[in-house]
Amino acid sequence: VTGTGQLKRHKANTQHIMGKKSTKRKRNLRKSTLTDKTVLN
């Protein structure tokens, strides 16, 4: 939970079969993101 009450989560698709994914995509998958408003509540 963030300070403003949002939920922070890790991105999916980072566990295996990484060879076919581009470096830019893998770098962006390392970052965390916030959950969508539709499922937050």
PDB file of all heavy atoms in Angstrom:
ATOM      1  N   VAL A   1       0.849  -1.192   0.000  1.00  0.00           N
ATOM      2  CA  VAL A   1       0.000   0.000   0.000  1.00  0.00           C
ATOM      3  C   VAL A   1       0.882   1.238   0.000  1.00  0.00           C
ATOM      4  O   VAL A   1       1.821   1.345   0.798  1.00  0.00           O
ATOM      5  CB  VAL A   1      -0.921   0.003   1.235  1.00  0.00           C
ATOM      6  CG1 VAL A   1      -1.842   1.209   1.203  1.00  0.00           C
ATOM      7  CG2 VAL A   1      -1.725  -1.274   1.293  1.00  0.00           C
ATOM      8  N   THR A   2       0.606   2.179  -0.898  1.00  0.00           N
ATOM      9  CA  THR A   2       1.351   3.426  -0.960  1.00  0.00           C
ATOM     10  C   THR A   2       0.790   4.402   0.065  1.00  0.00           C
ATOM     11  O   THR A   2      -0.222   4.138   0.712  1.00  0.00           O
ATOM     12  CB  THR A   2       1.263   4.046  -2.359  1.00  0.00           C
ATOM     13  OG1 THR A   2      -0.101   4.383  -2.630  1.00  0.00           O
ATOM     14  CG2 THR A   2       1.786   3.091  -3.413  1.00  0.00           C
ATOM     15  N   GLY A   3       1.429   5.533   0.193  1.00  0.00           N
ATOM     16  CA  GLY A   3       0.988   6.536   1.144  1.00  0.00           C
ATOM     17  C   GLY A   3      -0.354   7.131   0.815  1.00  0.00           C
ATOM     18  O   GLY A   3      -1.084   7.575   1.696  1.00  0.00           O
ATOM     19  N   THR A   4      -0.711   7.148  -0.456  1.00  0.00           N
ATOM     20  CA  THR A   4      -1.993   7.699  -0.875  1.00  0.00           C
ATOM     21  C   THR A   4      -3.089   6.649  -0.929  1.00  0.00           C
ATOM     22  O   THR A   4      -4.200   6.943  -1.372  1.00  0.00           O
ATOM     23  CB  THR A   4      -1.871   8.358  -2.263  1.00  0.00           C
ATOM     24  OG1 THR A   4      -1.389   7.386  -3.198  1.00  0.00           O
ATOM     25  CG2 THR A   4      -0.919   9.540  -2.207  1.00  0.00           C
ATOM     26  N   GLY A   5      -2.792   5.406  -0.525  1.00  0.00           N
ATOM     27  CA  GLY A   5      -3.804   4.361  -0.479  1.00  0.00           C
ATOM     28  C   GLY A   5      -3.917   3.523  -1.725  1.00  0.00           C
ATOM     29  O   GLY A   5      -4.787   2.664  -1.820  1.00  0.00           O
ATOM     30  N   GLN A   6      -3.042   3.744  -2.705  1.00  0.00           N
ATOM     31  CA  GLN A   6      -3.059   2.909  -3.889  1.00  0.00           C
ATOM     32  C   GLN A   6      -2.265   1.643  -3.625  1.00  0.00           C
ATOM     33  O   GLN A   6      -1.497   1.557  -2.666  1.00  0.00           O
ATOM     34  CB  GLN A   6      -2.477   3.671  -5.078  1.00  0.00           C
ATOM     35  CG  GLN A   6      -3.321   4.849  -5.501  1.00  0.00           C
ATOM     36  CD  GLN A   6      -2.678   5.606  -6.630  1.00  0.00           C
ATOM     37  OE1 GLN A   6      -1.484   5.897  -6.581  1.00  0.00           O
ATOM     38  NE2 GLN A   6      -3.443   5.932  -7.642  1.00  0.00           N
ATOM     39  N   LEU A   7      -2.443   0.644  -4.478  1.00  0.00           N
ATOM     40  CA  LEU A   7      -1.736  -0.626  -4.316  1.00  0.00           C
ATOM     41  C   LEU A   7      -0.656  -0.752  -5.375  1.00  0.00           C
ATOM     42  O   LEU A   7      -0.917  -0.601  -6.566  1.00  0.00           O
ATOM     43  CB  LEU A   7      -2.711  -1.801  -4.426  1.00  0.00           C
ATOM     44  CG  LEU A   7      -3.728  -1.919  -3.298  1.00  0.00           C
ATOM     45  CD1 LEU A   7      -4.645  -3.088  -3.552  1.00  0.00           C
ATOM     46  CD2 LEU A   7      -3.048  -2.072  -1.961  1.00  0.00           C
ATOM     47  N   LYS A   8       0.549  -1.053  -4.934  1.00  0.00           N
ATOM     48  CA  LYS A   8       1.679  -1.229  -5.824  1.00  0.00           C
ATOM     49  C   LYS A   8       1.878  -2.717  -6.052  1.00  0.00           C
ATOM     50  O   LYS A   8       1.760  -3.516  -5.123  1.00  0.00           O
ATOM     51  CB  LYS A   8       2.916  -0.605  -5.192  1.00  0.00           C
ATOM     52  CG  LYS A   8       4.089  -0.450  -6.130  1.00  0.00           C
ATOM     53  CD  LYS A   8       5.114   0.530  -5.595  1.00  0.00           C
ATOM     54  CE  LYS A   8       5.867  -0.055  -4.429  1.00  0.00           C
ATOM     55  NZ  LYS A   8       7.084   0.717  -4.109  1.00  0.00           N
ATOM     56  N   ARG A   9       2.182  -3.099  -7.284  1.00  0.00           N
ATOM     57  CA  ARG A   9       2.364  -4.504  -7.619  1.00  0.00           C
ATOM     58  C   ARG A   9       3.516  -4.651  -8.594  1.00  0.00           C
ATOM     59  O   ARG A   9       3.944  -3.687  -9.229  1.00  0.00           O
ATOM     60  CB  ARG A   9       1.095  -5.079  -8.253  1.00  0.00           C
ATOM     61  CG  ARG A   9       0.784  -4.462  -9.608  1.00  0.00           C
ATOM     62  CD  ARG A   9      -0.353  -5.178 -10.316  1.00  0.00           C
ATOM     63  NE  ARG A   9      -0.676  -4.543 -11.578  1.00  0.00           N
ATOM     64  CZ  ARG A   9      -0.067  -4.813 -12.733  1.00  0.00           C
ATOM     65  NH1 ARG A   9       0.909  -5.692 -12.778  1.00  0.00           N
ATOM     66  NH2 ARG A   9      -0.418  -4.201 -13.837  1.00  0.00           N
ATOM     67  N   HIS A  10       4.012  -5.874  -8.716  1.00  0.00           N
ATOM     68  CA  HIS A  10       5.043  -6.184  -9.696  1.00  0.00           C
ATOM     69  C   HIS A  10       4.384  -6.614 -10.993  1.00  0.00           C
ATOM     70  O   HIS A  10       3.250  -7.097 -11.004  1.00  0.00           O
ATOM     71  CB  HIS A  10       5.958  -7.288  -9.190  1.00  0.00           C
ATOM     72  CG  HIS A  10       6.791  -6.877  -8.024  1.00  0.00           C
ATOM     73  ND1 HIS A  10       7.815  -5.961  -8.135  1.00  0.00           N
ATOM     74  CD2 HIS A  10       6.747  -7.217  -6.724  1.00  0.00           C
ATOM     75  CE1 HIS A  10       8.365  -5.771  -6.958  1.00  0.00           C
ATOM     76  NE2 HIS A  10       7.734  -6.523  -6.071  1.00  0.00           N
ATOM     77  N   LYS A  11       5.094  -6.453 -12.085  1.00  0.00           N
ATOM     78  CA  LYS A  11       4.554  -6.828 -13.385  1.00  0.00           C
ATOM     79  C   LYS A  11       4.759  -8.317 -13.643  1.00  0.00           C
ATOM     80  O   LYS A  11       5.674  -8.944 -13.096  1.00  0.00           O
ATOM     81  CB  LYS A  11       5.225  -6.007 -14.481  1.00  0.00           C
ATOM     82  CG  LYS A  11       4.873  -4.528 -14.397  1.00  0.00           C
ATOM     83  CD  LYS A  11       5.472  -3.760 -15.530  1.00  0.00           C
ATOM     84  CE  LYS A  11       5.115  -2.291 -15.412  1.00  0.00           C
ATOM     85  NZ  LYS A  11       5.741  -1.501 -16.470  1.00  0.00           N
ATOM     86  N   ALA A  12       3.910  -8.865 -14.480  1.00  0.00           N
ATOM     87  CA  ALA A  12       3.957 -10.287 -14.814  1.00  0.00           C
ATOM     88  C   ALA A  12       4.907 -10.533 -15.990  1.00  0.00           C
ATOM     89  O   ALA A  12       5.477  -9.595 -16.550  1.00  0.00           O
ATOM     90  CB  ALA A  12       2.558 -10.780 -15.155  1.00  0.00           C
ATOM     91  N   ASN A  13       5.056 -11.781 -16.371  1.00  0.00           N
ATOM     92  CA  ASN A  13       5.833 -12.217 -17.533  1.00  0.00           C
ATOM     93  C   ASN A  13       7.327 -11.993 -17.375  1.00  0.00           C
ATOM     94  O   ASN A  13       8.011 -11.611 -18.309  1.00  0.00           O
ATOM     95  CB  ASN A  13       5.338 -11.514 -18.808  1.00  0.00           C
ATOM     96  CG  ASN A  13       3.875 -11.720 -19.053  1.00  0.00           C
ATOM     97  OD1 ASN A  13       3.376 -12.830 -18.938  1.00  0.00           O
ATOM     98  ND2 ASN A  13       3.169 -10.647 -19.369  1.00  0.00           N
ATOM     99  N   THR A  14       7.860 -12.248 -16.186  1.00  0.00           N
ATOM    100  CA  THR A  14       9.295 -12.065 -15.973  1.00  0.00           C
ATOM    101  C   THR A  14       9.993 -13.323 -15.493  1.00  0.00           C
ATOM    102  O   THR A  14      11.176 -13.270 -15.145  1.00  0.00           O
ATOM    103  CB  THR A  14       9.536 -10.962 -14.923  1.00  0.00           C
ATOM    104  OG1 THR A  14       8.937 -11.371 -13.689  1.00  0.00           O
ATOM    105  CG2 THR A  14       8.954  -9.651 -15.354  1.00  0.00           C
ATOM    106  N   GLN A  15       9.323 -14.467 -15.456  1.00  0.00           N
ATOM    107  CA  GLN A  15       9.905 -15.644 -14.814  1.00  0.00           C
ATOM    108  C   GLN A  15      10.723 -16.517 -15.755  1.00  0.00           C
ATOM    109  O   GLN A  15      11.753 -17.035 -15.363  1.00  0.00           O
ATOM    110  CB  GLN A  15       8.794 -16.483 -14.172  1.00  0.00           C
ATOM    111  CG  GLN A  15       8.089 -15.773 -13.040  1.00  0.00           C
ATOM    112  CD  GLN A  15       9.041 -15.411 -11.913  1.00  0.00           C
ATOM    113  OE1 GLN A  15       9.841 -16.222 -11.478  1.00  0.00           O
ATOM    114  NE2 GLN A  15       8.965 -14.185 -11.440  1.00  0.00           N
ATOM    115  N   HIS A  16      10.289 -16.699 -16.966  1.00  0.00           N
ATOM    116  CA  HIS A  16      11.026 -17.562 -17.888  1.00  0.00           C
ATOM    117  C   HIS A  16      10.730 -17.126 -19.315  1.00  0.00           C
ATOM    118  O   HIS A  16       9.936 -16.222 -19.553  1.00  0.00           O
ATOM    119  CB  HIS A  16      10.672 -19.038 -17.678  1.00  0.00           C
ATOM    120  CG  HIS A  16       9.249 -19.373 -17.985  1.00  0.00           C
ATOM    121  ND1 HIS A  16       8.193 -18.923 -17.245  1.00  0.00           N
ATOM    122  CD2 HIS A  16       8.708 -20.112 -18.984  1.00  0.00           C
ATOM    123  CE1 HIS A  16       7.058 -19.379 -17.782  1.00  0.00           C
ATOM    124  NE2 HIS A  16       7.353 -20.098 -18.818  1.00  0.00           N
ATOM    125  N   ILE A  17      11.385 -17.773 -20.270  1.00  0.00           N
ATOM    126  CA  ILE A  17      11.306 -17.442 -21.699  1.00  0.00           C
ATOM    127  C   ILE A  17      11.660 -15.968 -21.900  1.00  0.00           C
ATOM    128  O   ILE A  17      10.927 -15.202 -22.511  1.00  0.00           O
ATOM    129  CB  ILE A  17       9.920 -17.782 -22.299  1.00  0.00           C
ATOM    130  CG1 ILE A  17       9.472 -19.163 -21.870  1.00  0.00           C
ATOM    131  CG2 ILE A  17       9.968 -17.716 -23.825  1.00  0.00           C
ATOM    132  CD1 ILE A  17       8.077 -19.535 -22.332  1.00  0.00           C
ATOM    133  N   MET A  18      12.808 -15.577 -21.347  1.00  0.00           N
ATOM    134  CA  MET A  18      13.220 -14.186 -21.439  1.00  0.00           C
ATOM    135  C   MET A  18      14.045 -13.901 -22.691  1.00  0.00           C
ATOM    136  O   MET A  18      14.251 -12.751 -23.057  1.00  0.00           O
ATOM    137  CB  MET A  18      14.039 -13.798 -20.193  1.00  0.00           C
ATOM    138  CG  MET A  18      13.270 -13.923 -18.899  1.00  0.00           C
ATOM    139  SD  MET A  18      11.861 -12.832 -18.799  1.00  0.00           S
ATOM    140  CE  MET A  18      12.670 -11.305 -18.433  1.00  0.00           C
ATOM    141  N   GLY A  19      14.511 -14.942 -23.357  1.00  0.00           N
ATOM    142  CA  GLY A  19      15.391 -14.742 -24.503  1.00  0.00           C
ATOM    143  C   GLY A  19      14.734 -14.052 -25.673  1.00  0.00           C
ATOM    144  O   GLY A  19      15.377 -13.294 -26.402  1.00  0.00           O
ATOM    145  N   LYS A  20      13.444 -14.303 -25.864  1.00  0.00           N
ATOM    146  CA  LYS A  20      12.762 -13.703 -27.011  1.00  0.00           C
ATOM    147  C   LYS A  20      12.228 -12.311 -26.721  1.00  0.00           C
ATOM    148  O   LYS A  20      11.745 -11.649 -27.629  1.00  0.00           O
ATOM    149  CB  LYS A  20      11.634 -14.610 -27.482  1.00  0.00           C
ATOM    150  CG  LYS A  20      10.531 -14.815 -26.468  1.00  0.00           C
ATOM    151  CD  LYS A  20       9.365 -15.608 -27.053  1.00  0.00           C
ATOM    152  CE  LYS A  20       9.719 -17.046 -27.278  1.00  0.00           C
ATOM    153  NZ  LYS A  20       8.570 -17.867 -27.660  1.00  0.00           N
ATOM    154  N   LYS A  21      12.309 -11.862 -25.483  1.00  0.00           N
ATOM    155  CA  LYS A  21      11.834 -10.528 -25.131  1.00  0.00           C
ATOM    156  C   LYS A  21      12.962  -9.527 -25.313  1.00  0.00           C
ATOM    157  O   LYS A  21      14.121  -9.805 -25.005  1.00  0.00           O
ATOM    158  CB  LYS A  21      11.340 -10.506 -23.683  1.00  0.00           C
ATOM    159  CG  LYS A  21      10.129 -11.387 -23.478  1.00  0.00           C
ATOM    160  CD  LYS A  21       9.730 -11.501 -22.043  1.00  0.00           C
ATOM    161  CE  LYS A  21       8.547 -12.446 -21.938  1.00  0.00           C
ATOM    162  NZ  LYS A  21       8.498 -13.149 -20.682  1.00  0.00           N
ATOM    163  N   SER A  22      12.607  -8.349 -25.781  1.00  0.00           N
ATOM    164  CA  SER A  22      13.619  -7.337 -26.036  1.00  0.00           C
ATOM    165  C   SER A  22      14.175  -6.785 -24.729  1.00  0.00           C
ATOM    166  O   SER A  22      13.550  -6.894 -23.671  1.00  0.00           O
ATOM    167  CB  SER A  22      13.034  -6.193 -26.872  1.00  0.00           C
ATOM    168  OG  SER A  22      12.097  -5.473 -26.097  1.00  0.00           O
ATOM    169  N   THR A  23      15.342  -6.181 -24.815  1.00  0.00           N
ATOM    170  CA  THR A  23      15.981  -5.601 -23.623  1.00  0.00           C
ATOM    171  C   THR A  23      15.122  -4.498 -23.041  1.00  0.00           C
ATOM    172  O   THR A  23      14.995  -4.377 -21.813  1.00  0.00           O
ATOM    173  CB  THR A  23      17.363  -5.056 -23.999  1.00  0.00           C
ATOM    174  OG1 THR A  23      18.106  -6.082 -24.643  1.00  0.00           O
ATOM    175  CG2 THR A  23      18.106  -4.595 -22.776  1.00  0.00           C
ATOM    176  N   LYS A  24      14.524  -3.699 -23.889  1.00  0.00           N
ATOM    177  CA  LYS A  24      13.660  -2.613 -23.418  1.00  0.00           C
ATOM    178  C   LYS A  24      12.448  -3.158 -22.677  1.00  0.00           C
ATOM    179  O   LYS A  24      12.055  -2.640 -21.627  1.00  0.00           O
ATOM    180  CB  LYS A  24      13.206  -1.769 -24.611  1.00  0.00           C
ATOM    181  CG  LYS A  24      12.307  -0.622 -24.262  1.00  0.00           C
ATOM    182  CD  LYS A  24      11.920   0.157 -25.504  1.00  0.00           C
ATOM    183  CE  LYS A  24      10.978   1.287 -25.171  1.00  0.00           C
ATOM    184  NZ  LYS A  24      10.600   2.030 -26.383  1.00  0.00           N
ATOM    185  N   ARG A  25      11.877  -4.233 -23.195  1.00  0.00           N
ATOM    186  CA  ARG A  25      10.707  -4.834 -22.549  1.00  0.00           C
ATOM    187  C   ARG A  25      11.079  -5.431 -21.197  1.00  0.00           C
ATOM    188  O   ARG A  25      10.364  -5.270 -20.214  1.00  0.00           O
ATOM    189  CB  ARG A  25      10.128  -5.903 -23.465  1.00  0.00           C
ATOM    190  CG  ARG A  25       8.883  -6.565 -22.943  1.00  0.00           C
ATOM    191  CD  ARG A  25       8.337  -7.534 -23.956  1.00  0.00           C
ATOM    192  NE  ARG A  25       7.259  -8.317 -23.403  1.00  0.00           N
ATOM    193  CZ  ARG A  25       6.751  -9.391 -23.975  1.00  0.00           C
ATOM    194  NH1 ARG A  25       7.221  -9.799 -25.140  1.00  0.00           N
ATOM    195  NH2 ARG A  25       5.773 -10.058 -23.415  1.00  0.00           N
ATOM    196  N   LYS A  26      12.222  -6.120 -21.138  1.00  0.00           N
ATOM    197  CA  LYS A  26      12.655  -6.712 -19.873  1.00  0.00           C
ATOM    198  C   LYS A  26      12.969  -5.642 -18.839  1.00  0.00           C
ATOM    199  O   LYS A  26      12.677  -5.800 -17.657  1.00  0.00           O
ATOM    200  CB  LYS A  26      13.879  -7.598 -20.100  1.00  0.00           C
ATOM    201  CG  LYS A  26      13.559  -8.885 -20.839  1.00  0.00           C
ATOM    202  CD  LYS A  26      14.725  -9.807 -20.864  1.00  0.00           C
ATOM    203  CE  LYS A  26      15.656  -9.475 -22.004  1.00  0.00           C
ATOM    204  NZ  LYS A  26      16.678 -10.519 -22.210  1.00  0.00           N
ATOM    205  N   ARG A  27      13.547  -4.536 -19.272  1.00  0.00           N
ATOM    206  CA  ARG A  27      13.857  -3.442 -18.360  1.00  0.00           C
ATOM    207  C   ARG A  27      12.585  -2.831 -17.792  1.00  0.00           C
ATOM    208  O   ARG A  27      12.496  -2.513 -16.610  1.00  0.00           O
ATOM    209  CB  ARG A  27      14.697  -2.390 -19.092  1.00  0.00           C
ATOM    210  CG  ARG A  27      15.158  -1.245 -18.224  1.00  0.00           C
ATOM    211  CD  ARG A  27      16.148  -0.363 -18.952  1.00  0.00           C
ATOM    212  NE  ARG A  27      15.576   0.239 -20.145  1.00  0.00           N
ATOM    213  CZ  ARG A  27      15.952  -0.038 -21.400  1.00  0.00           C
ATOM    214  NH1 ARG A  27      16.903  -0.940 -21.633  1.00  0.00           N
ATOM    215  NH2 ARG A  27      15.400   0.566 -22.424  1.00  0.00           N
ATOM    216  N   ASN A  28      11.568  -2.668 -18.620  1.00  0.00           N
ATOM    217  CA  ASN A  28      10.304  -2.093 -18.159  1.00  0.00           C
ATOM    218  C   ASN A  28       9.529  -3.060 -17.276  1.00  0.00           C
ATOM    219  O   ASN A  28       8.767  -2.629 -16.414  1.00  0.00           O
ATOM    220  CB  ASN A  28       9.445  -1.659 -19.346  1.00  0.00           C
ATOM    221  CG  ASN A  28       9.967  -0.391 -19.979  1.00  0.00           C
ATOM    222  OD1 ASN A  28      10.531   0.465 -19.296  1.00  0.00           O
ATOM    223  ND2 ASN A  28       9.820  -0.273 -21.292  1.00  0.00           N
ATOM    224  N   LEU A  29       9.711  -4.362 -17.466  1.00  0.00           N
ATOM    225  CA  LEU A  29       9.040  -5.345 -16.623  1.00  0.00           C
ATOM    226  C   LEU A  29       9.620  -5.392 -15.214  1.00  0.00           C
ATOM    227  O   LEU A  29       8.964  -5.862 -14.291  1.00  0.00           O
ATOM    228  CB  LEU A  29       9.118  -6.740 -17.262  1.00  0.00           C
ATOM    229  CG  LEU A  29       8.226  -6.968 -18.477  1.00  0.00           C
ATOM    230  CD1 LEU A  29       8.552  -8.299 -19.128  1.00  0.00           C
ATOM    231  CD2 LEU A  29       6.777  -6.889 -18.106  1.00  0.00           C
ATOM    232  N   ARG A  30      10.850  -4.913 -15.038  1.00  0.00           N
ATOM    233  CA  ARG A  30      11.451  -4.883 -13.707  1.00  0.00           C
ATOM    234  C   ARG A  30      10.803  -3.856 -12.800  1.00  0.00           C
ATOM    235  O   ARG A  30      10.845  -3.986 -11.585  1.00  0.00           O
ATOM    236  CB  ARG A  30      12.952  -4.590 -13.807  1.00  0.00           C
ATOM    237  CG  ARG A  30      13.785  -5.752 -14.268  1.00  0.00           C
ATOM    238  CD  ARG A  30      15.249  -5.547 -13.960  1.00  0.00           C
ATOM    239  NE  ARG A  30      15.835  -4.413 -14.653  1.00  0.00           N
ATOM    240  CZ  ARG A  30      16.540  -4.500 -15.780  1.00  0.00           C
ATOM    241  NH1 ARG A  30      16.717  -5.666 -16.346  1.00  0.00           N
ATOM    242  NH2 ARG A  30      17.073  -3.431 -16.326  1.00  0.00           N
ATOM    243  N   LYS A  31      10.229  -2.821 -13.383  1.00  0.00           N
ATOM    244  CA  LYS A  31       9.638  -1.747 -12.595  1.00  0.00           C
ATOM    245  C   LYS A  31       8.291  -2.179 -12.031  1.00  0.00           C
ATOM    246  O   LYS A  31       7.574  -2.969 -12.629  1.00  0.00           O
ATOM    247  CB  LYS A  31       9.445  -0.503 -13.462  1.00  0.00           C
ATOM    248  CG  LYS A  31      10.728   0.022 -14.073  1.00  0.00           C
ATOM    249  CD  LYS A  31      10.435   1.143 -15.028  1.00  0.00           C
ATOM    250  CE  LYS A  31      11.690   1.610 -15.725  1.00  0.00           C
ATOM    251  NZ  LYS A  31      11.395   2.617 -16.744  1.00  0.00           N
ATOM    252  N   SER A  32       7.957  -1.639 -10.874  1.00  0.00           N
ATOM    253  CA  SER A  32       6.639  -1.916 -10.312  1.00  0.00           C
ATOM    254  C   SER A  32       5.638  -0.914 -10.863  1.00  0.00           C
ATOM    255  O   SER A  32       6.006   0.124 -11.410  1.00  0.00           O
ATOM    256  CB  SER A  32       6.686  -1.840  -8.785  1.00  0.00           C
ATOM    257  OG  SER A  32       7.111  -0.566  -8.381  1.00  0.00           O
ATOM    258  N   THR A  33       4.365  -1.235 -10.696  1.00  0.00           N
ATOM    259  CA  THR A  33       3.307  -0.375 -11.210  1.00  0.00           C
ATOM    260  C   THR A  33       2.155  -0.373 -10.216  1.00  0.00           C
ATOM    261  O   THR A  33       2.155  -1.134  -9.248  1.00  0.00           O
ATOM    262  CB  THR A  33       2.837  -0.855 -12.597  1.00  0.00           C
ATOM    263  OG1 THR A  33       1.905   0.067 -13.119  1.00  0.00           O
ATOM    264  CG2 THR A  33       2.212  -2.224 -12.524  1.00  0.00           C
ATOM    265  N   LEU A  34       1.179   0.481 -10.459  1.00  0.00           N
ATOM    266  CA  LEU A  34       0.017   0.564  -9.588  1.00  0.00           C
ATOM    267  C   LEU A  34      -1.114  -0.277 -10.163  1.00  0.00           C
ATOM    268  O   LEU A  34      -1.221  -0.450 -11.378  1.00  0.00           O
ATOM    269  CB  LEU A  34      -0.437   2.018  -9.451  1.00  0.00           C
ATOM    270  CG  LEU A  34       0.569   2.963  -8.809  1.00  0.00           C
ATOM    271  CD1 LEU A  34       0.049   4.387  -8.856  1.00  0.00           C
ATOM    272  CD2 LEU A  34       0.886   2.551  -7.398  1.00  0.00           C
ATOM    273  N   THR A  35      -1.966  -0.795  -9.283  1.00  0.00           N
ATOM    274  CA  THR A  35      -3.100  -1.585  -9.748  1.00  0.00           C
ATOM    275  C   THR A  35      -4.121  -0.689 -10.426  1.00  0.00           C
ATOM    276  O   THR A  35      -4.204   0.511 -10.161  1.00  0.00           O
ATOM    277  CB  THR A  35      -3.776  -2.322  -8.592  1.00  0.00           C
ATOM    278  OG1 THR A  35      -4.122  -1.370  -7.596  1.00  0.00           O
ATOM    279  CG2 THR A  35      -2.871  -3.366  -8.000  1.00  0.00           C
ATOM    280  N   ASP A  36      -4.907  -1.286 -11.271  1.00  0.00           N
ATOM    281  CA  ASP A  36      -5.935  -0.550 -12.001  1.00  0.00           C
ATOM    282  C   ASP A  36      -7.076  -0.168 -11.064  1.00  0.00           C
ATOM    283  O   ASP A  36      -7.360  -0.874 -10.092  1.00  0.00           O
ATOM    284  CB  ASP A  36      -6.463  -1.421 -13.144  1.00  0.00           C
ATOM    285  CG  ASP A  36      -7.278  -0.618 -14.128  1.00  0.00           C
ATOM    286  OD1 ASP A  36      -6.779   0.389 -14.644  1.00  0.00           O
ATOM    287  OD2 ASP A  36      -8.435  -1.006 -14.372  1.00  0.00           O
ATOM    288  N   LYS A  37      -7.737   0.930 -11.359  1.00  0.00           N
ATOM    289  CA  LYS A  37      -8.822   1.410 -10.507  1.00  0.00           C
ATOM    290  C   LYS A  37     -10.006   0.447 -10.476  1.00  0.00           C
ATOM    291  O   LYS A  37     -10.750   0.406  -9.507  1.00  0.00           O
ATOM    292  CB  LYS A  37      -9.305   2.774 -11.003  1.00  0.00           C
ATOM    293  CG  LYS A  37      -8.293   3.869 -10.833  1.00  0.00           C
ATOM    294  CD  LYS A  37      -8.819   5.177 -11.398  1.00  0.00           C
ATOM    295  CE  LYS A  37      -7.775   6.259 -11.317  1.00  0.00           C
ATOM    296  NZ  LYS A  37      -8.236   7.511 -11.920  1.00  0.00           N
ATOM    297  N   THR A  38     -10.180  -0.343 -11.533  1.00  0.00           N
ATOM    298  CA  THR A  38     -11.343  -1.225 -11.614  1.00  0.00           C
ATOM    299  C   THR A  38     -11.274  -2.369 -10.611  1.00  0.00           C
ATOM    300  O   THR A  38     -12.305  -2.876 -10.182  1.00  0.00           O
ATOM    301  CB  THR A  38     -11.490  -1.800 -13.025  1.00  0.00           C
ATOM    302  OG1 THR A  38     -10.282  -2.475 -13.380  1.00  0.00           O
ATOM    303  CG2 THR A  38     -11.753  -0.701 -14.028  1.00  0.00           C
ATOM    304  N   VAL A  39     -10.086  -2.795 -10.218  1.00  0.00           N
ATOM    305  CA  VAL A  39      -9.951  -3.898  -9.270  1.00  0.00           C
ATOM    306  C   VAL A  39      -9.441  -3.443  -7.909  1.00  0.00           C
ATOM    307  O   VAL A  39      -9.317  -4.247  -6.992  1.00  0.00           O
ATOM    308  CB  VAL A  39      -9.021  -5.000  -9.824  1.00  0.00           C
ATOM    309  CG1 VAL A  39      -9.613  -5.637 -11.051  1.00  0.00           C
ATOM    310  CG2 VAL A  39      -7.643  -4.445 -10.096  1.00  0.00           C
ATOM    311  N   LEU A  40      -9.167  -2.168  -7.766  1.00  0.00           N
ATOM    312  CA  LEU A  40      -8.569  -1.651  -6.538  1.00  0.00           C
ATOM    313  C   LEU A  40      -9.459  -1.883  -5.327  1.00  0.00           C
ATOM    314  O   LEU A  40      -9.016  -2.399  -4.299  1.00  0.00           O
ATOM    315  CB  LEU A  40      -8.272  -0.160  -6.695  1.00  0.00           C
ATOM    316  CG  LEU A  40      -7.580   0.522  -5.536  1.00  0.00           C
ATOM    317  CD1 LEU A  40      -6.188  -0.050  -5.347  1.00  0.00           C
ATOM    318  CD2 LEU A  40      -7.503   2.010  -5.760  1.00  0.00           C
ATOM    319  N   ASN A  41     -10.730  -1.536  -5.422  1.00  0.00           N
ATOM    320  CA  ASN A  41     -11.625  -1.655  -4.276  1.00  0.00           C
ATOM    321  C   ASN A  41     -11.870  -3.105  -3.891  1.00  0.00           C
ATOM    322  O   ASN A  41     -11.950  -3.432  -2.703  1.00  0.00           O
ATOM    323  CB  ASN A  41     -12.950  -0.945  -4.548  1.00  0.00           C
ATOM    324  CG  ASN A  41     -12.794   0.554  -4.541  1.00  0.00           C
ATOM    325  OD1 ASN A  41     -11.895   1.078  -3.882  1.00  0.00           O
ATOM    326  ND2 ASN A  41     -13.636   1.254  -5.266  1.00  0.00           N
TER     327      ASN A  41
END
